[in-house]
Amino acid sequence: MRFLAAFVGLLTLGTSSAADAHAHAKKKSFPAGSRATIAFEVGHGCDGSPTVAVAVRLPEGVTKPVAKNPAKWTSSVEDNVVTWKGGPLAAKTKGTFELTVTLPSTKGALAFPFVQTCTTGTLRWVEGPKSKYPAPVITLT
């Protein structure tokens, strides 16, 4: 429950200016019902500040998460939120966070709300696809 509360708390924080920053899934399409590894990539830190944590909320129907930890990072899973902490990831460096999951059998789009926390500032990639801060999306085929 603590991670859920922390995730919800992060969603309510202010968002840094980040016109060219982004978080996305490197591969966009996966077979419905498959076991798949999704690589989430962050473009850089928050307004020049290094990334120290990322959290991704699993959409309904996504199960059995197993996180792969980049060097100097640790992960945890609680209440359908996968959190990586560590690094830090330098402000101008891309970072990849891999997550192996079982995907639902229903075809269509799945959004993964994603929060990037930096030493100063937070970016909340939790909005719709046409917003300034879209959540990473994959398509199940």
N, C-alpha and C. Protein backbone atom coordinates (compact mmCIF):
# COMPACT_ATOMS: atom_id res chain seq x y z
N MET A 1 0.81 -1.20 0.00
CA MET A 1 0.00 0.00 0.00
C MET A 1 0.85 1.27 0.00
N ARG A 2 2.04 1.20 0.63
CA ARG A 2 2.89 2.39 0.67
C ARG A 2 3.27 2.84 -0.73
N PHE A 3 3.59 1.87 -1.62
CA PHE A 3 3.99 2.25 -2.98
C PHE A 3 2.82 2.84 -3.74
N LEU A 4 1.62 2.30 -3.53
CA LEU A 4 0.44 2.86 -4.17
C LEU A 4 0.25 4.30 -3.71
N ALA A 5 0.35 4.52 -2.41
CA ALA A 5 0.20 5.88 -1.89
C ALA A 5 1.31 6.79 -2.43
N ALA A 6 2.53 6.27 -2.52
CA ALA A 6 3.63 7.07 -3.06
C ALA A 6 3.39 7.40 -4.53
N PHE A 7 2.89 6.41 -5.29
CA PHE A 7 2.62 6.63 -6.70
C PHE A 7 1.54 7.69 -6.87
N VAL A 8 0.47 7.56 -6.12
CA VAL A 8 -0.61 8.55 -6.19
C VAL A 8 -0.07 9.92 -5.78
N GLY A 9 0.78 9.94 -4.78
CA GLY A 9 1.39 11.20 -4.35
C GLY A 9 2.23 11.81 -5.44
N LEU A 10 2.99 10.99 -6.16
CA LEU A 10 3.79 11.50 -7.26
C LEU A 10 2.92 12.09 -8.36
N LEU A 11 1.75 11.49 -8.58
CA LEU A 11 0.85 11.98 -9.61
C LEU A 11 0.33 13.37 -9.29
N THR A 12 0.34 13.74 -8.03
CA THR A 12 -0.21 15.04 -7.66
C THR A 12 0.86 16.13 -7.60
N LEU A 13 2.12 15.78 -7.77
CA LEU A 13 3.18 16.78 -7.74
C LEU A 13 3.18 17.60 -9.02
N GLY A 14 3.79 18.76 -8.97
CA GLY A 14 3.93 19.59 -10.16
C GLY A 14 4.83 18.92 -11.18
N THR A 15 4.67 19.30 -12.43
CA THR A 15 5.46 18.73 -13.51
C THR A 15 6.46 19.77 -13.98
N SER A 16 7.71 19.33 -14.17
CA SER A 16 8.73 20.21 -14.68
C SER A 16 8.49 20.52 -16.14
N SER A 17 9.04 21.61 -16.61
CA SER A 17 8.99 21.93 -18.03
C SER A 17 9.87 20.96 -18.78
N ALA A 18 9.34 20.34 -19.82
CA ALA A 18 10.11 19.33 -20.54
C ALA A 18 9.59 19.17 -21.96
N ALA A 19 9.69 20.22 -22.74
CA ALA A 19 9.12 20.20 -24.08
C ALA A 19 9.68 19.08 -24.94
N ASP A 20 10.97 18.75 -24.79
CA ASP A 20 11.55 17.72 -25.64
C ASP A 20 11.81 16.42 -24.91
N ALA A 21 11.42 16.30 -23.67
CA ALA A 21 11.59 15.06 -22.91
C ALA A 21 10.45 14.12 -23.25
N HIS A 22 10.69 12.83 -23.02
CA HIS A 22 9.62 11.87 -23.26
C HIS A 22 9.94 10.56 -22.57
N ALA A 23 8.91 9.78 -22.37
CA ALA A 23 9.05 8.41 -21.91
C ALA A 23 8.20 7.58 -22.85
N HIS A 24 8.74 6.48 -23.34
CA HIS A 24 7.98 5.67 -24.29
C HIS A 24 8.43 4.21 -24.22
N ALA A 25 7.63 3.34 -24.79
CA ALA A 25 8.00 1.94 -24.95
C ALA A 25 8.77 1.84 -26.27
N LYS A 26 9.97 1.24 -26.23
CA LYS A 26 10.79 1.16 -27.43
C LYS A 26 10.14 0.32 -28.52
N LYS A 27 9.52 -0.78 -28.15
CA LYS A 27 8.76 -1.60 -29.10
C LYS A 27 7.30 -1.27 -28.87
N LYS A 28 6.54 -1.07 -29.93
CA LYS A 28 5.17 -0.57 -29.80
C LYS A 28 4.09 -1.64 -29.90
N SER A 29 4.42 -2.85 -30.37
CA SER A 29 3.39 -3.85 -30.61
C SER A 29 3.82 -5.21 -30.09
N PHE A 30 2.86 -5.93 -29.47
CA PHE A 30 3.11 -7.25 -28.90
C PHE A 30 1.88 -8.13 -29.15
N PRO A 31 2.07 -9.45 -29.25
CA PRO A 31 0.91 -10.33 -29.39
C PRO A 31 0.07 -10.35 -28.11
N ALA A 32 -1.23 -10.23 -28.27
CA ALA A 32 -2.14 -10.31 -27.12
C ALA A 32 -1.96 -11.66 -26.44
N GLY A 33 -1.98 -11.68 -25.12
CA GLY A 33 -1.87 -12.91 -24.34
C GLY A 33 -0.46 -13.46 -24.21
N SER A 34 0.52 -12.75 -24.73
CA SER A 34 1.90 -13.26 -24.70
C SER A 34 2.65 -12.84 -23.44
N ARG A 35 3.76 -13.49 -23.21
CA ARG A 35 4.74 -13.08 -22.20
C ARG A 35 5.71 -12.19 -22.96
N ALA A 36 5.87 -10.95 -22.54
CA ALA A 36 6.64 -10.00 -23.32
C ALA A 36 7.53 -9.14 -22.43
N THR A 37 8.64 -8.70 -22.98
CA THR A 37 9.51 -7.75 -22.30
C THR A 37 9.33 -6.39 -22.93
N ILE A 38 8.89 -5.44 -22.12
CA ILE A 38 8.67 -4.07 -22.58
C ILE A 38 9.83 -3.23 -22.07
N ALA A 39 10.50 -2.54 -22.98
CA ALA A 39 11.61 -1.67 -22.61
C ALA A 39 11.10 -0.22 -22.62
N PHE A 40 11.00 0.37 -21.44
CA PHE A 40 10.59 1.77 -21.32
C PHE A 40 11.84 2.63 -21.36
N GLU A 41 11.81 3.69 -22.15
CA GLU A 41 12.97 4.56 -22.27
C GLU A 41 12.60 5.98 -21.85
N VAL A 42 13.46 6.59 -21.04
CA VAL A 42 13.33 8.01 -20.71
C VAL A 42 14.39 8.75 -21.53
N GLY A 43 14.00 9.89 -22.08
CA GLY A 43 14.88 10.64 -22.97
C GLY A 43 16.00 11.36 -22.24
N HIS A 44 15.71 11.88 -21.07
CA HIS A 44 16.70 12.57 -20.23
C HIS A 44 16.05 12.96 -18.92
N GLY A 45 16.80 13.63 -18.08
CA GLY A 45 16.30 14.01 -16.76
C GLY A 45 15.29 15.13 -16.80
N CYS A 46 15.07 15.74 -15.65
CA CYS A 46 14.08 16.81 -15.48
C CYS A 46 14.78 18.16 -15.45
N ASP A 47 14.68 18.92 -16.52
CA ASP A 47 15.27 20.26 -16.57
C ASP A 47 16.71 20.29 -16.05
N GLY A 48 17.54 19.36 -16.53
CA GLY A 48 18.95 19.33 -16.14
C GLY A 48 19.25 18.56 -14.88
N SER A 49 18.25 17.95 -14.28
CA SER A 49 18.43 17.20 -13.04
C SER A 49 18.44 15.69 -13.33
N PRO A 50 19.35 14.93 -12.70
CA PRO A 50 19.43 13.48 -12.94
C PRO A 50 18.21 12.71 -12.45
N THR A 51 17.90 11.62 -13.15
CA THR A 51 16.80 10.74 -12.77
C THR A 51 17.26 9.80 -11.66
N VAL A 52 16.45 9.68 -10.59
CA VAL A 52 16.79 8.80 -9.46
C VAL A 52 15.74 7.73 -9.20
N ALA A 53 14.58 7.82 -9.87
CA ALA A 53 13.55 6.80 -9.70
C ALA A 53 12.57 6.88 -10.86
N VAL A 54 12.02 5.73 -11.23
CA VAL A 54 10.91 5.68 -12.17
C VAL A 54 9.89 4.69 -11.63
N ALA A 55 8.64 4.94 -11.91
CA ALA A 55 7.56 4.05 -11.47
C ALA A 55 6.58 3.91 -12.62
N VAL A 56 6.14 2.69 -12.85
CA VAL A 56 5.15 2.44 -13.91
C VAL A 56 3.98 1.66 -13.32
N ARG A 57 2.77 2.14 -13.60
CA ARG A 57 1.55 1.46 -13.14
C ARG A 57 1.16 0.47 -14.22
N LEU A 58 0.92 -0.78 -13.80
CA LEU A 58 0.50 -1.81 -14.73
C LEU A 58 -0.98 -1.66 -15.05
N PRO A 59 -1.33 -1.65 -16.34
CA PRO A 59 -2.75 -1.58 -16.70
C PRO A 59 -3.47 -2.85 -16.26
N GLU A 60 -4.79 -2.77 -16.14
CA GLU A 60 -5.60 -3.92 -15.77
C GLU A 60 -5.34 -5.07 -16.75
N GLY A 61 -5.17 -6.26 -16.22
CA GLY A 61 -4.94 -7.44 -17.05
C GLY A 61 -3.49 -7.78 -17.29
N VAL A 62 -2.59 -6.86 -16.97
CA VAL A 62 -1.15 -7.12 -17.10
C VAL A 62 -0.70 -7.76 -15.79
N THR A 63 -0.08 -8.96 -15.88
CA THR A 63 0.24 -9.72 -14.68
C THR A 63 1.69 -10.22 -14.70
N LYS A 64 2.09 -10.79 -13.57
CA LYS A 64 3.38 -11.45 -13.38
C LYS A 64 4.58 -10.58 -13.78
N PRO A 65 4.67 -9.37 -13.24
CA PRO A 65 5.78 -8.48 -13.61
C PRO A 65 7.12 -8.94 -13.02
N VAL A 66 8.14 -8.90 -13.85
CA VAL A 66 9.51 -9.16 -13.42
C VAL A 66 10.36 -8.04 -14.02
N ALA A 67 10.96 -7.23 -13.16
CA ALA A 67 11.76 -6.10 -13.62
C ALA A 67 13.22 -6.51 -13.77
N LYS A 68 13.85 -6.00 -14.81
CA LYS A 68 15.29 -6.15 -14.98
C LYS A 68 15.92 -4.85 -14.49
N ASN A 69 16.92 -4.98 -13.65
CA ASN A 69 17.53 -3.78 -13.06
C ASN A 69 18.76 -3.33 -13.84
N PRO A 70 18.76 -2.08 -14.31
CA PRO A 70 19.99 -1.53 -14.87
C PRO A 70 21.06 -1.48 -13.77
N ALA A 71 22.32 -1.38 -14.15
CA ALA A 71 23.40 -1.27 -13.17
C ALA A 71 23.12 -0.12 -12.21
N LYS A 72 23.33 -0.37 -10.94
CA LYS A 72 23.15 0.61 -9.85
C LYS A 72 21.69 0.97 -9.57
N TRP A 73 20.75 0.11 -10.01
CA TRP A 73 19.33 0.33 -9.76
C TRP A 73 18.76 -0.89 -9.09
N THR A 74 17.72 -0.70 -8.27
CA THR A 74 16.97 -1.81 -7.68
C THR A 74 15.50 -1.59 -8.01
N SER A 75 14.75 -2.68 -7.98
CA SER A 75 13.33 -2.56 -8.31
C SER A 75 12.47 -3.22 -7.25
N SER A 76 11.22 -2.83 -7.23
CA SER A 76 10.23 -3.45 -6.36
C SER A 76 8.89 -3.42 -7.07
N VAL A 77 8.01 -4.32 -6.67
CA VAL A 77 6.66 -4.37 -7.23
C VAL A 77 5.69 -4.42 -6.06
N GLU A 78 4.74 -3.49 -6.04
CA GLU A 78 3.72 -3.49 -5.00
C GLU A 78 2.48 -2.79 -5.54
N ASP A 79 1.33 -3.40 -5.32
CA ASP A 79 0.04 -2.82 -5.72
C ASP A 79 0.01 -2.43 -7.20
N ASN A 80 0.52 -3.31 -8.06
CA ASN A 80 0.53 -3.10 -9.51
C ASN A 80 1.36 -1.90 -9.96
N VAL A 81 2.32 -1.50 -9.14
CA VAL A 81 3.26 -0.44 -9.51
C VAL A 81 4.67 -1.03 -9.42
N VAL A 82 5.42 -0.90 -10.51
CA VAL A 82 6.82 -1.33 -10.53
C VAL A 82 7.66 -0.07 -10.38
N THR A 83 8.56 -0.09 -9.42
CA THR A 83 9.40 1.07 -9.13
C THR A 83 10.87 0.69 -9.23
N TRP A 84 11.65 1.50 -9.93
CA TRP A 84 13.10 1.36 -9.95
C TRP A 84 13.68 2.58 -9.23
N LYS A 85 14.67 2.35 -8.38
CA LYS A 85 15.35 3.44 -7.69
C LYS A 85 16.85 3.22 -7.81
N GLY A 86 17.59 4.32 -7.88
CA GLY A 86 19.05 4.17 -7.93
C GLY A 86 19.71 5.17 -8.83
N GLY A 87 20.65 4.62 -9.60
CA GLY A 87 21.40 5.48 -10.52
C GLY A 87 22.42 6.31 -9.79
N PRO A 88 22.39 7.59 -9.99
CA PRO A 88 21.44 8.31 -10.81
C PRO A 88 21.77 8.20 -12.31
N LEU A 89 20.77 8.49 -13.13
CA LEU A 89 20.91 8.55 -14.57
C LEU A 89 21.15 10.01 -14.91
N ALA A 90 22.31 10.30 -15.49
CA ALA A 90 22.69 11.68 -15.79
C ALA A 90 21.58 12.40 -16.56
N ALA A 91 21.47 13.69 -16.34
CA ALA A 91 20.38 14.49 -16.88
C ALA A 91 20.28 14.43 -18.40
N LYS A 92 21.40 14.29 -19.10
CA LYS A 92 21.37 14.29 -20.57
C LYS A 92 21.53 12.89 -21.15
N THR A 93 21.26 11.88 -20.34
CA THR A 93 21.45 10.49 -20.77
C THR A 93 20.11 9.76 -20.85
N LYS A 94 19.95 9.00 -21.94
CA LYS A 94 18.76 8.15 -22.06
C LYS A 94 18.91 6.95 -21.14
N GLY A 95 17.82 6.47 -20.62
CA GLY A 95 17.84 5.29 -19.78
C GLY A 95 16.73 4.33 -20.18
N THR A 96 17.01 3.02 -20.05
CA THR A 96 16.03 2.00 -20.40
C THR A 96 15.74 1.15 -19.18
N PHE A 97 14.45 0.90 -18.95
CA PHE A 97 13.97 0.10 -17.82
C PHE A 97 13.09 -1.00 -18.39
N GLU A 98 13.56 -2.25 -18.25
CA GLU A 98 12.86 -3.39 -18.85
C GLU A 98 11.97 -4.10 -17.86
N LEU A 99 10.81 -4.50 -18.37
CA LEU A 99 9.82 -5.16 -17.56
C LEU A 99 9.20 -6.31 -18.36
N THR A 100 9.31 -7.53 -17.83
CA THR A 100 8.69 -8.69 -18.47
C THR A 100 7.37 -8.95 -17.77
N VAL A 101 6.31 -9.08 -18.58
CA VAL A 101 4.95 -9.25 -18.06
C VAL A 101 4.18 -10.24 -18.92
N THR A 102 3.07 -10.70 -18.38
CA THR A 102 2.10 -11.43 -19.17
C THR A 102 1.00 -10.44 -19.56
N LEU A 103 0.75 -10.35 -20.86
CA LEU A 103 -0.20 -9.37 -21.38
C LEU A 103 -1.60 -9.96 -21.48
N PRO A 104 -2.62 -9.13 -21.39
CA PRO A 104 -3.99 -9.63 -21.51
C PRO A 104 -4.25 -10.16 -22.93
N SER A 105 -5.27 -11.00 -23.05
CA SER A 105 -5.57 -11.62 -24.35
C SER A 105 -6.43 -10.74 -25.25
N THR A 106 -6.91 -9.63 -24.75
CA THR A 106 -7.73 -8.72 -25.54
C THR A 106 -6.85 -7.79 -26.37
N LYS A 107 -7.13 -7.70 -27.67
CA LYS A 107 -6.37 -6.82 -28.55
C LYS A 107 -6.73 -5.36 -28.29
N GLY A 108 -5.77 -4.47 -28.57
CA GLY A 108 -6.02 -3.04 -28.42
C GLY A 108 -4.84 -2.34 -27.78
N ALA A 109 -5.04 -1.08 -27.46
CA ALA A 109 -3.98 -0.25 -26.88
C ALA A 109 -3.98 -0.35 -25.36
N LEU A 110 -2.76 -0.35 -24.79
CA LEU A 110 -2.58 -0.33 -23.34
C LEU A 110 -1.66 0.82 -22.98
N ALA A 111 -2.10 1.68 -22.07
CA ALA A 111 -1.27 2.78 -21.59
C ALA A 111 -0.65 2.38 -20.26
N PHE A 112 0.61 2.76 -20.07
CA PHE A 112 1.35 2.49 -18.85
C PHE A 112 1.74 3.83 -18.21
N PRO A 113 0.91 4.38 -17.31
CA PRO A 113 1.28 5.63 -16.64
C PRO A 113 2.66 5.49 -16.00
N PHE A 114 3.50 6.49 -16.21
CA PHE A 114 4.92 6.41 -15.91
C PHE A 114 5.35 7.70 -15.22
N VAL A 115 5.97 7.59 -14.05
CA VAL A 115 6.44 8.76 -13.30
C VAL A 115 7.95 8.70 -13.21
N GLN A 116 8.60 9.77 -13.62
CA GLN A 116 10.06 9.89 -13.59
C GLN A 116 10.41 10.92 -12.51
N THR A 117 11.17 10.48 -11.50
CA THR A 117 11.55 11.36 -10.41
C THR A 117 13.04 11.69 -10.54
N CYS A 118 13.35 12.96 -10.40
CA CYS A 118 14.73 13.43 -10.51
C CYS A 118 15.16 14.02 -9.17
N THR A 119 16.45 14.32 -9.05
CA THR A 119 16.90 14.92 -7.79
C THR A 119 16.17 16.24 -7.54
N THR A 120 15.83 16.93 -8.62
CA THR A 120 14.99 18.12 -8.53
C THR A 120 13.92 18.00 -9.60
N GLY A 121 12.69 17.80 -9.20
CA GLY A 121 11.58 17.76 -10.15
C GLY A 121 11.08 16.36 -10.45
N THR A 122 9.90 16.32 -11.02
CA THR A 122 9.23 15.07 -11.38
C THR A 122 8.52 15.28 -12.71
N LEU A 123 8.61 14.27 -13.57
CA LEU A 123 7.85 14.28 -14.82
C LEU A 123 6.82 13.18 -14.74
N ARG A 124 5.57 13.53 -15.02
CA ARG A 124 4.46 12.59 -14.91
C ARG A 124 3.95 12.27 -16.31
N TRP A 125 4.35 11.15 -16.86
CA TRP A 125 3.93 10.71 -18.18
C TRP A 125 2.66 9.87 -18.00
N VAL A 126 1.54 10.54 -17.75
CA VAL A 126 0.32 9.85 -17.34
C VAL A 126 -0.90 10.29 -18.14
N GLU A 127 -0.71 11.15 -19.10
CA GLU A 127 -1.84 11.73 -19.82
C GLU A 127 -2.12 11.00 -21.13
N GLY A 128 -3.11 11.49 -21.88
CA GLY A 128 -3.49 10.91 -23.16
C GLY A 128 -2.47 11.13 -24.24
N PRO A 129 -2.63 10.43 -25.38
CA PRO A 129 -1.62 10.42 -26.43
C PRO A 129 -1.36 11.77 -27.10
N LYS A 130 -2.29 12.70 -27.05
CA LYS A 130 -2.10 13.99 -27.72
C LYS A 130 -1.68 15.10 -26.75
N SER A 131 -1.40 14.73 -25.51
CA SER A 131 -1.02 15.73 -24.52
C SER A 131 0.49 15.97 -24.56
N LYS A 132 0.91 16.92 -23.77
CA LYS A 132 2.34 17.24 -23.65
C LYS A 132 3.08 16.14 -22.89
N TYR A 133 2.37 15.38 -22.03
CA TYR A 133 2.98 14.35 -21.20
C TYR A 133 2.25 13.01 -21.36
N PRO A 134 2.34 12.41 -22.56
CA PRO A 134 1.60 11.16 -22.80
C PRO A 134 2.21 9.98 -22.06
N ALA A 135 1.35 9.09 -21.60
CA ALA A 135 1.81 7.82 -21.01
C ALA A 135 2.34 6.93 -22.13
N PRO A 136 3.36 6.12 -21.86
CA PRO A 136 3.81 5.15 -22.85
C PRO A 136 2.66 4.20 -23.21
N VAL A 137 2.54 3.86 -24.49
CA VAL A 137 1.45 3.02 -24.98
C VAL A 137 2.03 1.89 -25.85
N ILE A 138 1.45 0.70 -25.68
CA ILE A 138 1.75 -0.40 -26.58
C ILE A 138 0.42 -0.87 -27.19
N THR A 139 0.51 -1.60 -28.30
CA THR A 139 -0.67 -2.16 -28.93
C THR A 139 -0.58 -3.67 -28.89
N LEU A 140 -1.66 -4.32 -28.48
CA LEU A 140 -1.74 -5.77 -28.47
C LEU A 140 -2.43 -6.20 -29.76
N THR A 141 -1.76 -7.10 -30.48
CA THR A 141 -2.29 -7.54 -31.79
C THR A 141 -2.72 -8.98 -31.75
